[in-house]
Amino acid sequence: MSLRYRSGEEIKKGDLVRFHGNLAEVEFVASSDNPQHAWYAQEHGGGVMVFDPAVSGRTFIPAGQLPDCEDLEFVSRLNSTPT
C-alpha cells in the first residue's frame, strides 16, 4: 500500500511537511506490510503519524482521510529511510 499526499508524492518516513501551517515531520507510515505498526493498519487501514513539536505533538491521520487532508503538505524529503 502506497500512501500519498494530495500533491501526489508518496508519503515516507522522515518527510518534512507543513501540518496546519507548522513545520513537522512524518514519524512513520503505517501499512499492512509494516509489522512494526500493524496495529494502526488493522484499526485504521493504515495511515501516517505526524510529529509537530510546536503545537500538536503527535497526530495520526488514517489513510482514508489523507485524500481530503488539506492541512498536510509535502515540503521536502531529507533522507531515504524505509517506511
Protein backbone atom coordinates (compact mmCIF):
# COMPACT_ATOMS: atom_id res chain seq x y z
CA MET A 1 0.00 0.00 0.00
CA SER A 2 1.38 3.37 -1.01
CA LEU A 3 0.06 6.44 0.79
CA ARG A 4 0.27 9.79 -0.99
CA TYR A 5 -0.01 13.47 -0.29
CA ARG A 6 -2.72 15.41 -2.11
CA SER A 7 0.04 16.70 -4.40
CA GLY A 8 0.82 13.11 -5.50
CA GLU A 9 4.18 12.41 -3.81
CA GLU A 10 4.46 9.17 -1.89
CA ILE A 11 4.49 9.71 1.89
CA LYS A 12 7.69 8.42 3.50
CA LYS A 13 9.12 8.30 6.99
CA GLY A 14 11.24 11.38 7.68
CA ASP A 15 9.47 13.66 5.21
CA LEU A 16 9.34 17.30 6.21
CA VAL A 17 5.78 18.57 5.94
CA ARG A 18 3.65 21.56 6.76
CA PHE A 19 0.87 20.46 9.13
CA HIS A 20 -1.75 23.08 9.96
CA GLY A 21 0.78 25.66 8.81
CA ASN A 22 3.62 24.44 11.07
CA LEU A 23 6.75 22.59 10.03
CA ALA A 24 6.50 18.96 11.11
CA GLU A 25 7.87 15.51 10.25
CA VAL A 26 6.34 12.21 9.21
CA GLU A 27 7.32 9.96 12.12
CA PHE A 28 6.12 6.73 10.49
CA VAL A 29 3.92 5.32 7.78
CA ALA A 30 1.62 2.53 8.98
CA SER A 31 0.66 -0.04 6.38
CA SER A 32 -0.18 -3.72 6.29
CA ASP A 33 3.33 -4.54 5.07
CA ASN A 34 4.98 -2.79 8.04
CA PRO A 35 4.75 -5.17 11.04
CA GLN A 36 6.13 -2.56 13.45
CA HIS A 37 2.95 -0.50 13.06
CA ALA A 38 0.48 -3.29 12.26
CA TRP A 39 -1.98 -2.14 14.93
CA TYR A 40 -2.57 1.15 13.12
CA ALA A 41 -3.10 -0.70 9.85
CA GLN A 42 -5.56 -3.15 11.45
CA GLU A 43 -7.52 -0.46 13.28
CA HIS A 44 -7.48 2.32 10.68
CA GLY A 45 -6.50 0.70 7.39
CA GLY A 46 -3.08 2.36 7.60
CA GLY A 47 -2.10 5.99 7.81
CA VAL A 48 0.68 8.31 8.91
CA MET A 49 1.93 9.65 12.24
CA VAL A 50 2.90 13.32 12.02
CA PHE A 51 5.13 14.84 14.68
CA ASP A 52 4.56 18.57 15.21
CA PRO A 53 6.58 19.54 18.30
CA ALA A 54 5.49 23.19 18.19
CA VAL A 55 1.74 22.71 18.51
CA SER A 56 0.01 19.34 18.44
CA GLY A 57 2.71 16.80 19.26
CA ARG A 58 1.85 13.53 17.50
CA THR A 59 -1.20 13.20 15.26
CA PHE A 60 -2.24 10.02 13.46
CA ILE A 61 -4.02 10.57 10.15
CA PRO A 62 -5.87 7.46 8.91
CA ALA A 63 -5.28 6.51 5.28
CA GLY A 64 -8.92 7.19 4.38
CA GLN A 65 -8.61 10.81 5.49
CA LEU A 66 -5.41 11.60 3.56
CA PRO A 67 -7.10 12.47 0.23
CA ASP A 68 -9.11 15.20 1.98
CA CYS A 69 -6.42 16.39 4.41
CA GLU A 70 -5.74 19.94 3.23
CA ASP A 71 -3.64 20.60 6.34
CA LEU A 72 -0.87 18.16 5.38
CA GLU A 73 1.51 19.46 2.70
CA PHE A 74 4.73 17.90 1.46
CA VAL A 75 7.78 20.19 1.88
CA SER A 76 10.88 18.07 1.29
CA ARG A 77 12.48 14.68 1.64
CA LEU A 78 15.78 14.70 3.50
CA ASN A 79 16.58 11.01 3.60
CA SER A 80 15.71 7.73 2.03
CA THR A 81 14.92 5.66 5.12
CA PRO A 82 12.39 2.88 4.58
CA THR A 83 8.81 3.40 5.68
